[in-house]
C-alpha atoms as a PDB file:
ATOM      1  CA  UNK A   1    -142.558 -91.701 -32.817  1.00  0.00           C
ATOM      2  CA  UNK A   2    -142.130 -91.886 -36.592  1.00  0.00           C
ATOM      3  CA  UNK A   3    -141.549 -88.623 -38.433  1.00  0.00           C
ATOM      4  CA  UNK A   4    -144.239 -87.532 -40.890  1.00  0.00           C
ATOM      5  CA  UNK A   5    -142.860 -88.084 -44.413  1.00  0.00           C
ATOM      6  CA  UNK A   6    -144.404 -84.779 -45.465  1.00  0.00           C
ATOM      7  CA  UNK A   7    -141.971 -83.012 -43.119  1.00  0.00           C
ATOM      8  CA  UNK A   8    -139.323 -83.464 -45.841  1.00  0.00           C
ATOM      9  CA  UNK A   9    -141.110 -80.713 -47.772  1.00  0.00           C
ATOM     10  CA  UNK A  10    -140.620 -78.069 -45.066  1.00  0.00           C
ATOM     11  CA  UNK A  11    -139.049 -74.911 -46.467  1.00  0.00           C
ATOM     12  CA  UNK A  12    -140.133 -75.599 -50.052  1.00  0.00           C
ATOM     13  CA  UNK A  13    -141.831 -72.999 -52.249  1.00  0.00           C
ATOM     14  CA  UNK A  14    -145.351 -74.261 -52.985  1.00  0.00           C
ATOM     15  CA  UNK A  15    -148.787 -73.184 -54.122  1.00  0.00           C
ATOM     16  CA  UNK A  16    -151.681 -74.464 -52.034  1.00  0.00           C
ATOM     17  CA  UNK A  17    -155.000 -74.694 -53.853  1.00  0.00           C
ATOM     18  CA  UNK A  18    -157.977 -74.920 -51.521  1.00  0.00           C
ATOM     19  CA  UNK A  19    -161.628 -75.499 -52.193  1.00  0.00           C
ATOM     20  CA  UNK A  20    -164.185 -74.151 -49.726  1.00  0.00           C
ATOM     21  CA  UNK A  21    -167.726 -74.613 -50.963  1.00  0.00           C
ATOM     22  CA  UNK A  22    -167.669 -73.454 -54.565  1.00  0.00           C
ATOM     23  CA  UNK A  23    -164.774 -71.010 -54.057  1.00  0.00           C
ATOM     24  CA  UNK A  24    -161.284 -72.073 -55.154  1.00  0.00           C
ATOM     25  CA  UNK A  25    -158.346 -70.156 -53.690  1.00  0.00           C
ATOM     26  CA  UNK A  26    -154.632 -70.185 -54.610  1.00  0.00           C
ATOM     27  CA  UNK A  27    -151.958 -69.258 -52.070  1.00  0.00           C
ATOM     28  CA  UNK A  28    -148.266 -69.319 -53.094  1.00  0.00           C
ATOM     29  CA  UNK A  29    -145.627 -69.303 -50.366  1.00  0.00           C
ATOM     30  CA  UNK A  30    -143.101 -71.218 -48.297  1.00  0.00           C
ATOM     31  CA  UNK A  31    -144.216 -74.280 -46.398  1.00  0.00           C
ATOM     32  CA  UNK A  32    -143.280 -73.976 -42.723  1.00  0.00           C
ATOM     33  CA  UNK A  33    -144.995 -76.847 -40.965  1.00  0.00           C
ATOM     34  CA  UNK A  34    -147.268 -79.813 -41.655  1.00  0.00           C
ATOM     35  CA  UNK A  35    -149.060 -81.309 -38.673  1.00  0.00           C
ATOM     36  CA  UNK A  36    -152.190 -83.264 -37.880  1.00  0.00           C
ATOM     37  CA  UNK A  37    -154.914 -81.445 -39.737  1.00  0.00           C
ATOM     38  CA  UNK A  38    -153.054 -78.196 -40.487  1.00  0.00           C
ATOM     39  CA  UNK A  39    -150.484 -76.716 -42.879  1.00  0.00           C
ATOM     40  CA  UNK A  40    -148.617 -73.517 -41.973  1.00  0.00           C
ATOM     41  CA  UNK A  41    -147.621 -71.334 -44.927  1.00  0.00           C
ATOM     42  CA  UNK A  42    -145.815 -67.983 -45.220  1.00  0.00           C
ATOM     43  CA  UNK A  43    -147.287 -66.411 -48.320  1.00  0.00           C
ATOM     44  CA  UNK A  44    -145.105 -64.569 -50.820  1.00  0.00           C
ATOM     45  CA  UNK A  45    -146.605 -61.247 -49.599  1.00  0.00           C
ATOM     46  CA  UNK A  46    -145.472 -61.983 -46.006  1.00  0.00           C
ATOM     47  CA  UNK A  47    -148.801 -63.117 -44.540  1.00  0.00           C
ATOM     48  CA  UNK A  48    -148.726 -66.267 -42.415  1.00  0.00           C
ATOM     49  CA  UNK A  49    -151.722 -68.553 -42.791  1.00  0.00           C
ATOM     50  CA  UNK A  50    -152.861 -71.857 -41.343  1.00  0.00           C
ATOM     51  CA  UNK A  51    -154.753 -74.041 -43.792  1.00  0.00           C
ATOM     52  CA  UNK A  52    -156.894 -76.973 -42.638  1.00  0.00           C
ATOM     53  CA  UNK A  53    -155.905 -80.084 -44.587  1.00  0.00           C
ATOM     54  CA  UNK A  54    -159.569 -80.906 -45.210  1.00  0.00           C
ATOM     55  CA  UNK A  55    -159.783 -77.760 -47.381  1.00  0.00           C
ATOM     56  CA  UNK A  56    -156.673 -78.536 -49.465  1.00  0.00           C
ATOM     57  CA  UNK A  57    -157.348 -79.765 -52.972  1.00  0.00           C
ATOM     58  CA  UNK A  58    -153.725 -79.872 -54.118  1.00  0.00           C
ATOM     59  CA  UNK A  59    -150.266 -78.631 -53.117  1.00  0.00           C
ATOM     60  CA  UNK A  60    -148.007 -77.815 -56.062  1.00  0.00           C
ATOM     61  CA  UNK A  61    -144.275 -77.989 -55.458  1.00  0.00           C
ATOM     62  CA  UNK A  62    -142.847 -75.015 -57.362  1.00  0.00           C
ATOM     63  CA  UNK A  63    -139.097 -74.990 -56.726  1.00  0.00           C
ATOM     64  CA  UNK A  64    -137.471 -78.067 -55.208  1.00  0.00           C
ATOM     65  CA  UNK A  65    -134.573 -76.561 -53.282  1.00  0.00           C
ATOM     66  CA  UNK A  66    -133.680 -79.789 -51.511  1.00  0.00           C
ATOM     67  CA  UNK A  67    -134.014 -83.395 -52.515  1.00  0.00           C
ATOM     68  CA  UNK A  68    -136.226 -85.879 -50.752  1.00  0.00           C
ATOM     69  CA  UNK A  69    -134.311 -88.987 -49.709  1.00  0.00           C
ATOM     70  CA  UNK A  70    -135.695 -92.329 -50.856  1.00  0.00           C
ATOM     71  CA  UNK A  71    -137.026 -94.781 -48.341  1.00  0.00           C
ATOM     72  CA  UNK A  72    -134.837 -97.814 -47.620  1.00  0.00           C
ATOM     73  CA  UNK A  73    -136.161-101.159 -48.814  1.00  0.00           C
ATOM     74  CA  UNK A  74    -136.294-103.745 -46.052  1.00  0.00           C
ATOM     75  CA  UNK A  75    -137.123-107.442 -45.981  1.00  0.00           C
ATOM     76  CA  UNK A  76    -136.141-107.871 -49.598  1.00  0.00           C
ATOM     77  CA  UNK A  77    -135.688-111.409 -50.882  1.00  0.00           C
ATOM     78  CA  UNK A  78    -132.027-112.033 -51.784  1.00  0.00           C
ATOM     79  CA  UNK A  79    -131.301-112.275 -55.490  1.00  0.00           C
ATOM     80  CA  UNK A  80    -130.081-115.646 -56.691  1.00  0.00           C
ATOM     81  CA  UNK A  81    -127.123-114.760 -58.910  1.00  0.00           C
ATOM     82  CA  UNK A  82    -125.862-118.310 -59.498  1.00  0.00           C
ATOM     83  CA  UNK A  83    -125.440-119.389 -63.094  1.00  0.00           C
ATOM     84  CA  UNK A  84    -128.027-121.953 -64.159  1.00  0.00           C
ATOM     85  CA  UNK A  85    -126.374-125.156 -65.338  1.00  0.00           C
ATOM     86  CA  UNK A  86    -128.998-127.686 -66.438  1.00  0.00           C
ATOM     87  CA  UNK A  87    -126.571-130.651 -66.463  1.00  0.00           C
ATOM     88  CA  UNK A  88    -124.899-129.904 -63.119  1.00  0.00           C
ATOM     89  CA  UNK A  89    -125.277-132.476 -60.327  1.00  0.00           C
ATOM     90  CA  UNK A  90    -127.231-131.466 -57.290  1.00  0.00           C
ATOM     91  CA  UNK A  91    -125.191-131.098 -54.112  1.00  0.00           C
END
């Protein structure tokens, strides 16, 4: 099974902004887990909360303590690095 690319953000300090009805809420903390439909966050005051992803408006990454590796490019067309010679004979 393929790993969720969001898992690379585990352990990062974030602020989750949620919108429930007309009420907007901001929760800063450390991201512990991202799974199907839920985000687990340890708030800066020590509370642990589970946030449904349907309520999340935005997640702000505050302090990037680790870098996210780039994805490898596959099936790329090879680059033709031959010098163009207009008067050369075809082989």
